[in-house]
Amino acid sequence: MSLSKETCIPCRDGAPTLSEAELASLLPQLPGWAVVSGHHLRKTWTFPDFQQALDWVNRAGAICEAEGHHAEFSLGWGHAEAVIYTHKVDGLTRADAVLAAKFEALAVGA
């Protein structure tokens, strides 16, 4: 199943984070996403103006609310950035990859 079709499953305190091998197997579904220090996912999108960047952040934020899993966003004229990780375990879980895939589907209009 495509990551973007999955649901973010909340994890418990102390749940394991993704191993390097697990993360590597998921990355092909997350084009352009960077793994930063093995701790979080980051991607920046560009837009023709501020309004389109803001609209994208609002749509991505609605996905966060629906999934109960929230990203950190930065927004400026013509760009938006998302940073994703699971605060509860201070690292990456499958839910983070699922959320990134949902943003990716949003970015391409799927």
PDB file of N, CA and C in Angstrom:
ATOM      1  N   MET A   1       0.843  -1.173   0.000  1.00  0.00           N
ATOM      2  CA  MET A   1       0.000   0.000   0.000  1.00  0.00           C
ATOM      3  C   MET A   1       0.894   1.244   0.000  1.00  0.00           C
ATOM      4  N   SER A   2       0.486   2.240  -0.746  1.00  0.00           N
ATOM      5  CA  SER A   2       1.198   3.511  -0.786  1.00  0.00           C
ATOM      6  C   SER A   2       1.140   4.186   0.578  1.00  0.00           C
ATOM      7  N   LEU A   3       2.243   4.773   0.999  1.00  0.00           N
ATOM      8  CA  LEU A   3       2.274   5.465   2.292  1.00  0.00           C
ATOM      9  C   LEU A   3       1.191   6.531   2.375  1.00  0.00           C
ATOM     10  N   SER A   4       0.926   7.223   1.282  1.00  0.00           N
ATOM     11  CA  SER A   4      -0.044   8.316   1.316  1.00  0.00           C
ATOM     12  C   SER A   4      -1.468   7.829   1.561  1.00  0.00           C
ATOM     13  N   LYS A   5      -1.715   6.549   1.394  1.00  0.00           N
ATOM     14  CA  LYS A   5      -3.054   5.978   1.625  1.00  0.00           C
ATOM     15  C   LYS A   5      -3.204   5.425   3.040  1.00  0.00           C
ATOM     16  N   GLU A   6      -2.102   5.344   3.786  1.00  0.00           N
ATOM     17  CA  GLU A   6      -2.158   4.850   5.161  1.00  0.00           C
ATOM     18  C   GLU A   6      -2.661   5.938   6.098  1.00  0.00           C
ATOM     19  N   THR A   7      -2.966   5.541   7.315  1.00  0.00           N
ATOM     20  CA  THR A   7      -3.373   6.466   8.364  1.00  0.00           C
ATOM     21  C   THR A   7      -2.234   6.571   9.368  1.00  0.00           C
ATOM     22  N   CYS A   8      -2.007   7.765   9.876  1.00  0.00           N
ATOM     23  CA  CYS A   8      -0.990   7.948  10.913  1.00  0.00           C
ATOM     24  C   CYS A   8      -1.459   7.247  12.183  1.00  0.00           C
ATOM     25  N   ILE A   9      -0.694   6.289  12.648  1.00  0.00           N
ATOM     26  CA  ILE A   9      -1.023   5.545  13.862  1.00  0.00           C
ATOM     27  C   ILE A   9      -0.232   6.164  15.012  1.00  0.00           C
ATOM     28  N   PRO A  10      -0.923   6.659  16.042  1.00  0.00           N
ATOM     29  CA  PRO A  10      -0.183   7.240  17.171  1.00  0.00           C
ATOM     30  C   PRO A  10       0.692   6.184  17.844  1.00  0.00           C
ATOM     31  N   CYS A  11       1.854   6.618  18.292  1.00  0.00           N
ATOM     32  CA  CYS A  11       2.742   5.681  18.977  1.00  0.00           C
ATOM     33  C   CYS A  11       2.681   5.914  20.482  1.00  0.00           C
ATOM     34  N   ARG A  12       3.214   4.976  21.206  1.00  0.00           N
ATOM     35  CA  ARG A  12       3.271   5.067  22.664  1.00  0.00           C
ATOM     36  C   ARG A  12       4.612   5.645  23.075  1.00  0.00           C
ATOM     37  N   ASP A  13       4.655   6.209  24.260  1.00  0.00           N
ATOM     38  CA  ASP A  13       5.939   6.633  24.818  1.00  0.00           C
ATOM     39  C   ASP A  13       6.887   5.444  24.805  1.00  0.00           C
ATOM     40  N   GLY A  14       8.106   5.677  24.384  1.00  0.00           N
ATOM     41  CA  GLY A  14       9.105   4.612  24.381  1.00  0.00           C
ATOM     42  C   GLY A  14       9.041   3.696  23.182  1.00  0.00           C
ATOM     43  N   ALA A  15       8.119   3.941  22.245  1.00  0.00           N
ATOM     44  CA  ALA A  15       8.052   3.102  21.045  1.00  0.00           C
ATOM     45  C   ALA A  15       9.357   3.271  20.262  1.00  0.00           C
ATOM     46  N   PRO A  16       9.771   2.255  19.527  1.00  0.00           N
ATOM     47  CA  PRO A  16      11.037   2.366  18.795  1.00  0.00           C
ATOM     48  C   PRO A  16      10.926   3.322  17.611  1.00  0.00           C
ATOM     49  N   THR A  17      12.024   3.981  17.314  1.00  0.00           N
ATOM     50  CA  THR A  17      12.087   4.814  16.123  1.00  0.00           C
ATOM     51  C   THR A  17      12.484   3.941  14.937  1.00  0.00           C
ATOM     52  N   LEU A  18      12.341   4.481  13.740  1.00  0.00           N
ATOM     53  CA  LEU A  18      12.707   3.727  12.545  1.00  0.00           C
ATOM     54  C   LEU A  18      14.210   3.479  12.500  1.00  0.00           C
ATOM     55  N   SER A  19      14.582   2.288  12.105  1.00  0.00           N
ATOM     56  CA  SER A  19      16.005   1.994  11.887  1.00  0.00           C
ATOM     57  C   SER A  19      16.423   2.634  10.560  1.00  0.00           C
ATOM     58  N   GLU A  20      17.722   2.719  10.337  1.00  0.00           N
ATOM     59  CA  GLU A  20      18.223   3.254   9.063  1.00  0.00           C
ATOM     60  C   GLU A  20      17.694   2.443   7.887  1.00  0.00           C
ATOM     61  N   ALA A  21      17.646   1.132   8.027  1.00  0.00           N
ATOM     62  CA  ALA A  21      17.167   0.262   6.943  1.00  0.00           C
ATOM     63  C   ALA A  21      15.677   0.487   6.693  1.00  0.00           C
ATOM     64  N   GLU A  22      14.895   0.610   7.758  1.00  0.00           N
ATOM     65  CA  GLU A  22      13.457   0.861   7.592  1.00  0.00           C
ATOM     66  C   GLU A  22      13.222   2.201   6.898  1.00  0.00           C
ATOM     67  N   LEU A  23      13.941   3.203   7.338  1.00  0.00           N
ATOM     68  CA  LEU A  23      13.810   4.524   6.744  1.00  0.00           C
ATOM     69  C   LEU A  23      14.229   4.495   5.272  1.00  0.00           C
ATOM     70  N   ALA A  24      15.324   3.822   4.973  1.00  0.00           N
ATOM     71  CA  ALA A  24      15.798   3.721   3.590  1.00  0.00           C
ATOM     72  C   ALA A  24      14.756   3.055   2.689  1.00  0.00           C
ATOM     73  N   SER A  25      14.009   2.101   3.232  1.00  0.00           N
ATOM     74  CA  SER A  25      12.993   1.417   2.420  1.00  0.00           C
ATOM     75  C   SER A  25      11.784   2.318   2.139  1.00  0.00           C
ATOM     76  N   LEU A  26      11.569   3.329   2.970  1.00  0.00           N
ATOM     77  CA  LEU A  26      10.425   4.237   2.793  1.00  0.00           C
ATOM     78  C   LEU A  26      10.765   5.455   1.929  1.00  0.00           C
ATOM     79  N   LEU A  27      12.018   5.849   1.901  1.00  0.00           N
ATOM     80  CA  LEU A  27      12.426   7.076   1.202  1.00  0.00           C
ATOM     81  C   LEU A  27      12.086   7.122  -0.288  1.00  0.00           C
ATOM     82  N   PRO A  28      12.063   5.997  -1.010  1.00  0.00           N
ATOM     83  CA  PRO A  28      11.677   6.092  -2.424  1.00  0.00           C
ATOM     84  C   PRO A  28      10.268   6.671  -2.629  1.00  0.00           C
ATOM     85  N   GLN A  29       9.422   6.580  -1.623  1.00  0.00           N
ATOM     86  CA  GLN A  29       8.080   7.150  -1.720  1.00  0.00           C
ATOM     87  C   GLN A  29       8.046   8.615  -1.272  1.00  0.00           C
ATOM     88  N   LEU A  30       9.207   9.159  -0.897  1.00  0.00           N
ATOM     89  CA  LEU A  30       9.282  10.524  -0.380  1.00  0.00           C
ATOM     90  C   LEU A  30      10.315  11.342  -1.167  1.00  0.00           C
ATOM     91  N   PRO A  31      10.081  11.565  -2.450  1.00  0.00           N
ATOM     92  CA  PRO A  31      11.074  12.279  -3.252  1.00  0.00           C
ATOM     93  C   PRO A  31      11.318  13.694  -2.737  1.00  0.00           C
ATOM     94  N   GLY A  32      12.591  14.038  -2.633  1.00  0.00           N
ATOM     95  CA  GLY A  32      12.960  15.378  -2.218  1.00  0.00           C
ATOM     96  C   GLY A  32      13.006  15.610  -0.725  1.00  0.00           C
ATOM     97  N   TRP A  33      12.577  14.631   0.060  1.00  0.00           N
ATOM     98  CA  TRP A  33      12.625  14.778   1.516  1.00  0.00           C
ATOM     99  C   TRP A  33      14.029  14.450   2.000  1.00  0.00           C
ATOM    100  N   ALA A  34      14.518  15.258   2.920  1.00  0.00           N
ATOM    101  CA  ALA A  34      15.825  15.021   3.522  1.00  0.00           C
ATOM    102  C   ALA A  34      15.643  14.467   4.919  1.00  0.00           C
ATOM    103  N   VAL A  35      16.475  13.483   5.256  1.00  0.00           N
ATOM    104  CA  VAL A  35      16.519  12.978   6.629  1.00  0.00           C
ATOM    105  C   VAL A  35      17.634  13.763   7.306  1.00  0.00           C
ATOM    106  N   VAL A  36      17.283  14.484   8.352  1.00  0.00           N
ATOM    107  CA  VAL A  36      18.243  15.347   9.033  1.00  0.00           C
ATOM    108  C   VAL A  36      18.672  14.702  10.342  1.00  0.00           C
ATOM    109  N   SER A  37      19.958  14.383  10.430  1.00  0.00           N
ATOM    110  CA  SER A  37      20.559  13.790  11.633  1.00  0.00           C
ATOM    111  C   SER A  37      19.837  12.533  12.095  1.00  0.00           C
ATOM    112  N   GLY A  38      19.199  11.810  11.156  1.00  0.00           N
ATOM    113  CA  GLY A  38      18.468  10.597  11.508  1.00  0.00           C
ATOM    114  C   GLY A  38      17.294  10.867  12.439  1.00  0.00           C
ATOM    115  N   HIS A  39      16.931  12.142  12.593  1.00  0.00           N
ATOM    116  CA  HIS A  39      15.945  12.553  13.595  1.00  0.00           C
ATOM    117  C   HIS A  39      14.642  13.082  13.019  1.00  0.00           C
ATOM    118  N   HIS A  40      14.706  13.805  11.909  1.00  0.00           N
ATOM    119  CA  HIS A  40      13.485  14.365  11.348  1.00  0.00           C
ATOM    120  C   HIS A  40      13.569  14.457   9.824  1.00  0.00           C
ATOM    121  N   LEU A  41      12.391  14.616   9.230  1.00  0.00           N
ATOM    122  CA  LEU A  41      12.260  14.778   7.790  1.00  0.00           C
ATOM    123  C   LEU A  41      12.029  16.257   7.491  1.00  0.00           C
ATOM    124  N   ARG A  42      12.613  16.738   6.383  1.00  0.00           N
ATOM    125  CA  ARG A  42      12.449  18.147   6.014  1.00  0.00           C
ATOM    126  C   ARG A  42      12.334  18.255   4.497  1.00  0.00           C
ATOM    127  N   LYS A  43      11.422  19.133   4.081  1.00  0.00           N
ATOM    128  CA  LYS A  43      11.306  19.436   2.657  1.00  0.00           C
ATOM    129  C   LYS A  43      10.799  20.862   2.501  1.00  0.00           C
ATOM    130  N   THR A  44      11.296  21.535   1.442  1.00  0.00           N
ATOM    131  CA  THR A  44      10.851  22.873   1.096  1.00  0.00           C
ATOM    132  C   THR A  44      10.227  22.839  -0.298  1.00  0.00           C
ATOM    133  N   TRP A  45       9.089  23.495  -0.443  1.00  0.00           N
ATOM    134  CA  TRP A  45       8.406  23.636  -1.723  1.00  0.00           C
ATOM    135  C   TRP A  45       8.470  25.096  -2.137  1.00  0.00           C
ATOM    136  N   THR A  46       8.494  25.332  -3.439  1.00  0.00           N
ATOM    137  CA  THR A  46       8.455  26.699  -3.940  1.00  0.00           C
ATOM    138  C   THR A  46       7.124  26.947  -4.657  1.00  0.00           C
ATOM    139  N   PHE A  47       6.688  28.183  -4.586  1.00  0.00           N
ATOM    140  CA  PHE A  47       5.412  28.596  -5.167  1.00  0.00           C
ATOM    141  C   PHE A  47       5.615  29.941  -5.857  1.00  0.00           C
ATOM    142  N   PRO A  48       4.718  30.305  -6.760  1.00  0.00           N
ATOM    143  CA  PRO A  48       4.892  31.565  -7.476  1.00  0.00           C
ATOM    144  C   PRO A  48       4.661  32.823  -6.633  1.00  0.00           C
ATOM    145  N   ASP A  49       4.007  32.660  -5.478  1.00  0.00           N
ATOM    146  CA  ASP A  49       3.749  33.835  -4.647  1.00  0.00           C
ATOM    147  C   ASP A  49       3.420  33.399  -3.223  1.00  0.00           C
ATOM    148  N   PHE A  50       3.222  34.373  -2.361  1.00  0.00           N
ATOM    149  CA  PHE A  50       2.936  34.093  -0.955  1.00  0.00           C
ATOM    150  C   PHE A  50       1.596  33.378  -0.782  1.00  0.00           C
ATOM    151  N   GLN A  51       0.574  33.833  -1.495  1.00  0.00           N
ATOM    152  CA  GLN A  51      -0.768  33.275  -1.312  1.00  0.00           C
ATOM    153  C   GLN A  51      -0.803  31.776  -1.602  1.00  0.00           C
ATOM    154  N   GLN A  52      -0.138  31.349  -2.675  1.00  0.00           N
ATOM    155  CA  GLN A  52      -0.145  29.920  -3.001  1.00  0.00           C
ATOM    156  C   GLN A  52       0.622  29.105  -1.958  1.00  0.00           C
ATOM    157  N   ALA A  53       1.695  29.673  -1.423  1.00  0.00           N
ATOM    158  CA  ALA A  53       2.422  28.995  -0.345  1.00  0.00           C
ATOM    159  C   ALA A  53       1.541  28.880   0.887  1.00  0.00           C
ATOM    160  N   LEU A  54       0.852  29.962   1.238  1.00  0.00           N
ATOM    161  CA  LEU A  54      -0.055  29.959   2.384  1.00  0.00           C
ATOM    162  C   LEU A  54      -1.191  28.962   2.184  1.00  0.00           C
ATOM    163  N   ASP A  55      -1.762  28.935   1.001  1.00  0.00           N
ATOM    164  CA  ASP A  55      -2.842  27.975   0.716  1.00  0.00           C
ATOM    165  C   ASP A  55      -2.357  26.545   0.896  1.00  0.00           C
ATOM    166  N   TRP A  56      -1.126  26.261   0.430  1.00  0.00           N
ATOM    167  CA  TRP A  56      -0.582  24.910   0.582  1.00  0.00           C
ATOM    168  C   TRP A  56      -0.403  24.568   2.059  1.00  0.00           C
ATOM    169  N   VAL A  57       0.141  25.494   2.840  1.00  0.00           N
ATOM    170  CA  VAL A  57       0.325  25.243   4.273  1.00  0.00           C
ATOM    171  C   VAL A  57      -1.031  24.993   4.939  1.00  0.00           C
ATOM    172  N   ASN A  58      -2.043  25.736   4.556  1.00  0.00           N
ATOM    173  CA  ASN A  58      -3.369  25.518   5.136  1.00  0.00           C
ATOM    174  C   ASN A  58      -3.916  24.135   4.783  1.00  0.00           C
ATOM    175  N   ARG A  59      -3.711  23.696   3.542  1.00  0.00           N
ATOM    176  CA  ARG A  59      -4.166  22.346   3.165  1.00  0.00           C
ATOM    177  C   ARG A  59      -3.365  21.279   3.908  1.00  0.00           C
ATOM    178  N   ALA A  60      -2.052  21.483   4.016  1.00  0.00           N
ATOM    179  CA  ALA A  60      -1.215  20.524   4.752  1.00  0.00           C
ATOM    180  C   ALA A  60      -1.613  20.510   6.225  1.00  0.00           C
ATOM    181  N   GLY A  61      -1.908  21.668   6.792  1.00  0.00           N
ATOM    182  CA  GLY A  61      -2.351  21.742   8.186  1.00  0.00           C
ATOM    183  C   GLY A  61      -3.660  20.999   8.409  1.00  0.00           C
ATOM    184  N   ALA A  62      -4.550  21.056   7.436  1.00  0.00           N
ATOM    185  CA  ALA A  62      -5.812  20.311   7.547  1.00  0.00           C
ATOM    186  C   ALA A  62      -5.548  18.808   7.565  1.00  0.00           C
ATOM    187  N   ILE A  63      -4.558  18.359   6.794  1.00  0.00           N
ATOM    188  CA  ILE A  63      -4.179  16.941   6.826  1.00  0.00           C
ATOM    189  C   ILE A  63      -3.657  16.593   8.219  1.00  0.00           C
ATOM    190  N   CYS A  64      -2.825  17.451   8.783  1.00  0.00           N
ATOM    191  CA  CYS A  64      -2.293  17.211  10.135  1.00  0.00           C
ATOM    192  C   CYS A  64      -3.430  17.041  11.137  1.00  0.00           C
ATOM    193  N   GLU A  65      -4.406  17.930  11.075  1.00  0.00           N
ATOM    194  CA  GLU A  65      -5.535  17.850  11.998  1.00  0.00           C
ATOM    195  C   GLU A  65      -6.321  16.557  11.804  1.00  0.00           C
ATOM    196  N   ALA A  66      -6.569  16.198  10.557  1.00  0.00           N
ATOM    197  CA  ALA A  66      -7.331  14.975  10.268  1.00  0.00           C
ATOM    198  C   ALA A  66      -6.595  13.733  10.747  1.00  0.00           C
ATOM    199  N   GLU A  67      -5.260  13.738  10.640  1.00  0.00           N
ATOM    200  CA  GLU A  67      -4.455  12.577  11.019  1.00  0.00           C
ATOM    201  C   GLU A  67      -4.074  12.582  12.497  1.00  0.00           C
ATOM    202  N   GLY A  68      -4.240  13.717  13.169  1.00  0.00           N
ATOM    203  CA  GLY A  68      -3.831  13.803  14.571  1.00  0.00           C
ATOM    204  C   GLY A  68      -2.313  13.724  14.726  1.00  0.00           C
ATOM    205  N   HIS A  69      -1.598  14.181  13.708  1.00  0.00           N
ATOM    206  CA  HIS A  69      -0.130  14.136  13.700  1.00  0.00           C
ATOM    207  C   HIS A  69       0.328  15.435  13.059  1.00  0.00           C
ATOM    208  N   HIS A  70       1.115  16.221  13.756  1.00  0.00           N
ATOM    209  CA  HIS A  70       1.355  17.598  13.342  1.00  0.00           C
ATOM    210  C   HIS A  70       2.804  17.868  12.966  1.00  0.00           C
ATOM    211  N   ALA A  71       2.971  18.565  11.869  1.00  0.00           N
ATOM    212  CA  ALA A  71       4.283  18.987  11.387  1.00  0.00           C
ATOM    213  C   ALA A  71       4.574  20.390  11.898  1.00  0.00           C
ATOM    214  N   GLU A  72       5.810  20.784  11.736  1.00  0.00           N
ATOM    215  CA  GLU A  72       6.207  22.169  11.976  1.00  0.00           C
ATOM    216  C   GLU A  72       6.376  22.809  10.603  1.00  0.00           C
ATOM    217  N   PHE A  73       5.830  24.013  10.434  1.00  0.00           N
ATOM    218  CA  PHE A  73       5.876  24.692   9.145  1.00  0.00           C
ATOM    219  C   PHE A  73       6.607  26.014   9.252  1.00  0.00           C
ATOM    220  N   SER A  74       7.324  26.353   8.176  1.00  0.00           N
ATOM    221  CA  SER A  74       7.881  27.687   7.974  1.00  0.00           C
ATOM    222  C   SER A  74       7.303  28.184   6.657  1.00  0.00           C
ATOM    223  N   LEU A  75       6.971  29.453   6.618  1.00  0.00           N
ATOM    224  CA  LEU A  75       6.290  30.016   5.457  1.00  0.00           C
ATOM    225  C   LEU A  75       6.889  31.370   5.126  1.00  0.00           C
ATOM    226  N   GLY A  76       7.087  31.630   3.855  1.00  0.00           N
ATOM    227  CA  GLY A  76       7.549  32.929   3.398  1.00  0.00           C
ATOM    228  C   GLY A  76       7.072  33.164   1.981  1.00  0.00           C
ATOM    229  N   TRP A  77       7.461  34.298   1.411  1.00  0.00           N
ATOM    230  CA  TRP A  77       7.029  34.609   0.063  1.00  0.00           C
ATOM    231  C   TRP A  77       7.581  33.562  -0.895  1.00  0.00           C
ATOM    232  N   GLY A  78       6.668  32.779  -1.491  1.00  0.00           N
ATOM    233  CA  GLY A  78       7.046  31.810  -2.507  1.00  0.00           C
ATOM    234  C   GLY A  78       7.649  30.508  -2.012  1.00  0.00           C
ATOM    235  N   HIS A  79       7.586  30.261  -0.702  1.00  0.00           N
ATOM    236  CA  HIS A  79       8.119  28.988  -0.222  1.00  0.00           C
ATOM    237  C   HIS A  79       7.441  28.567   1.083  1.00  0.00           C
ATOM    238  N   ALA A  80       7.436  27.272   1.282  1.00  0.00           N
ATOM    239  CA  ALA A  80       6.941  26.673   2.523  1.00  0.00           C
ATOM    240  C   ALA A  80       7.815  25.477   2.838  1.00  0.00           C
ATOM    241  N   GLU A  81       8.073  25.272   4.109  1.00  0.00           N
ATOM    242  CA  GLU A  81       8.898  24.149   4.557  1.00  0.00           C
ATOM    243  C   GLU A  81       8.135  23.372   5.618  1.00  0.00           C
ATOM    244  N   ALA A  82       8.261  22.059   5.564  1.00  0.00           N
ATOM    245  CA  ALA A  82       7.689  21.193   6.593  1.00  0.00           C
ATOM    246  C   ALA A  82       8.809  20.399   7.248  1.00  0.00           C
ATOM    247  N   VAL A  83       8.737  20.289   8.558  1.00  0.00           N
ATOM    248  CA  VAL A  83       9.636  19.445   9.341  1.00  0.00           C
ATOM    249  C   VAL A  83       8.744  18.489  10.114  1.00  0.00           C
ATOM    250  N   ILE A  84       9.060  17.196  10.017  1.00  0.00           N
ATOM    251  CA  ILE A  84       8.229  16.167  10.637  1.00  0.00           C
ATOM    252  C   ILE A  84       9.081  15.238  11.479  1.00  0.00           C
ATOM    253  N   TYR A  85       8.637  14.987  12.693  1.00  0.00           N
ATOM    254  CA  TYR A  85       9.165  13.913  13.531  1.00  0.00           C
ATOM    255  C   TYR A  85       8.153  13.656  14.633  1.00  0.00           C
ATOM    256  N   THR A  86       8.319  12.561  15.339  1.00  0.00           N
ATOM    257  CA  THR A  86       7.391  12.210  16.409  1.00  0.00           C
ATOM    258  C   THR A  86       7.970  12.695  17.727  1.00  0.00           C
ATOM    259  N   HIS A  87       7.331  13.710  18.275  1.00  0.00           N
ATOM    260  CA  HIS A  87       7.814  14.311  19.517  1.00  0.00           C
ATOM    261  C   HIS A  87       7.843  13.302  20.671  1.00  0.00           C
ATOM    262  N   LYS A  88       6.846  12.428  20.694  1.00  0.00           N
ATOM    263  CA  LYS A  88       6.719  11.483  21.803  1.00  0.00           C
ATOM    264  C   LYS A  88       7.937  10.578  21.950  1.00  0.00           C
ATOM    265  N   VAL A  89       8.592  10.262  20.831  1.00  0.00           N
ATOM    266  CA  VAL A  89       9.780   9.396  20.884  1.00  0.00           C
ATOM    267  C   VAL A  89      11.041  10.143  20.455  1.00  0.00           C
ATOM    268  N   ASP A  90      10.897  11.437  20.170  1.00  0.00           N
ATOM    269  CA  ASP A  90      12.015  12.282  19.761  1.00  0.00           C
ATOM    270  C   ASP A  90      12.794  11.670  18.599  1.00  0.00           C
ATOM    271  N   GLY A  91      12.057  11.272  17.573  1.00  0.00           N
ATOM    272  CA  GLY A  91      12.674  10.658  16.402  1.00  0.00           C
ATOM    273  C   GLY A  91      11.637  10.342  15.348  1.00  0.00           C
ATOM    274  N   LEU A  92      12.024   9.507  14.395  1.00  0.00           N
ATOM    275  CA  LEU A  92      11.168   9.175  13.263  1.00  0.00           C
ATOM    276  C   LEU A  92      10.441   7.849  13.454  1.00  0.00           C
ATOM    277  N   THR A  93       9.155   7.866  13.128  1.00  0.00           N
ATOM    278  CA  THR A  93       8.327   6.661  13.134  1.00  0.00           C
ATOM    279  C   THR A  93       7.659   6.530  11.759  1.00  0.00           C
ATOM    280  N   ARG A  94       6.995   5.431  11.533  1.00  0.00           N
ATOM    281  CA  ARG A  94       6.297   5.238  10.256  1.00  0.00           C
ATOM    282  C   ARG A  94       5.260   6.343  10.040  1.00  0.00           C
ATOM    283  N   ALA A  95       4.614   6.803  11.100  1.00  0.00           N
ATOM    284  CA  ALA A  95       3.620   7.870  10.967  1.00  0.00           C
ATOM    285  C   ALA A  95       4.231   9.125  10.343  1.00  0.00           C
ATOM    286  N   ASP A  96       5.487   9.394  10.610  1.00  0.00           N
ATOM    287  CA  ASP A  96       6.148  10.554  10.017  1.00  0.00           C
ATOM    288  C   ASP A  96       6.274  10.388   8.508  1.00  0.00           C
ATOM    289  N   ALA A  97       6.636   9.195   8.070  1.00  0.00           N
ATOM    290  CA  ALA A  97       6.737   8.919   6.639  1.00  0.00           C
ATOM    291  C   ALA A  97       5.360   8.994   5.985  1.00  0.00           C
ATOM    292  N   VAL A  98       4.343   8.514   6.685  1.00  0.00           N
ATOM    293  CA  VAL A  98       2.974   8.586   6.158  1.00  0.00           C
ATOM    294  C   VAL A  98       2.565  10.042   5.972  1.00  0.00           C
ATOM    295  N   LEU A  99       2.813  10.881   6.963  1.00  0.00           N
ATOM    296  CA  LEU A  99       2.446  12.286   6.864  1.00  0.00           C
ATOM    297  C   LEU A  99       3.214  12.963   5.726  1.00  0.00           C
ATOM    298  N   ALA A 100       4.497  12.679   5.606  1.00  0.00           N
ATOM    299  CA  ALA A 100       5.287  13.251   4.512  1.00  0.00           C
ATOM    300  C   ALA A 100       4.714  12.823   3.158  1.00  0.00           C
ATOM    301  N   ALA A 101       4.318  11.574   3.032  1.00  0.00           N
ATOM    302  CA  ALA A 101       3.738  11.078   1.777  1.00  0.00           C
ATOM    303  C   ALA A 101       2.420  11.773   1.473  1.00  0.00           C
ATOM    304  N   LYS A 102       1.638  12.050   2.493  1.00  0.00           N
ATOM    305  CA  LYS A 102       0.383  12.771   2.298  1.00  0.00           C
ATOM    306  C   LYS A 102       0.657  14.194   1.812  1.00  0.00           C
ATOM    307  N   PHE A 103       1.677  14.837   2.351  1.00  0.00           N
ATOM    308  CA  PHE A 103       2.067  16.163   1.861  1.00  0.00           C
ATOM    309  C   PHE A 103       2.537  16.083   0.424  1.00  0.00           C
ATOM    310  N   GLU A 104       3.263  15.027   0.106  1.00  0.00           N
ATOM    311  CA  GLU A 104       3.772  14.839  -1.250  1.00  0.00           C
ATOM    312  C   GLU A 104       2.609  14.673  -2.224  1.00  0.00           C
ATOM    313  N   ALA A 105       1.606  13.905  -1.844  1.00  0.00           N
ATOM    314  CA  ALA A 105       0.433  13.727  -2.704  1.00  0.00           C
ATOM    315  C   ALA A 105      -0.290  15.065  -2.881  1.00  0.00           C
ATOM    316  N   LEU A 106      -0.351  15.853  -1.835  1.00  0.00           N
ATOM    317  CA  LEU A 106      -0.967  17.183  -1.899  1.00  0.00           C
ATOM    318  C   LEU A 106      -0.175  18.075  -2.843  1.00  0.00           C
ATOM    319  N   ALA A 107       1.122  17.977  -2.791  1.00  0.00           N
ATOM    320  CA  ALA A 107       1.981  18.829  -3.610  1.00  0.00           C
ATOM    321  C   ALA A 107       1.792  18.553  -5.098  1.00  0.00           C
ATOM    322  N   VAL A 108       1.476  17.322  -5.449  1.00  0.00           N
ATOM    323  CA  VAL A 108       1.300  16.990  -6.858  1.00  0.00           C
ATOM    324  C   VAL A 108      -0.165  16.944  -7.253  1.00  0.00           C
ATOM    325  N   GLY A 109      -1.030  17.314  -6.311  1.00  0.00           N
ATOM    326  CA  GLY A 109      -2.448  17.409  -6.625  1.00  0.00           C
ATOM    327  C   GLY A 109      -3.185  16.090  -6.605  1.00  0.00           C
ATOM    328  N   ALA A 110      -2.580  15.061  -6.014  1.00  0.00           N
ATOM    329  CA  ALA A 110      -3.247  13.753  -5.962  1.00  0.00           C
ATOM    330  C   ALA A 110      -4.305  13.721  -4.876  1.00  0.00           C
TER     331      ALA A 110
END
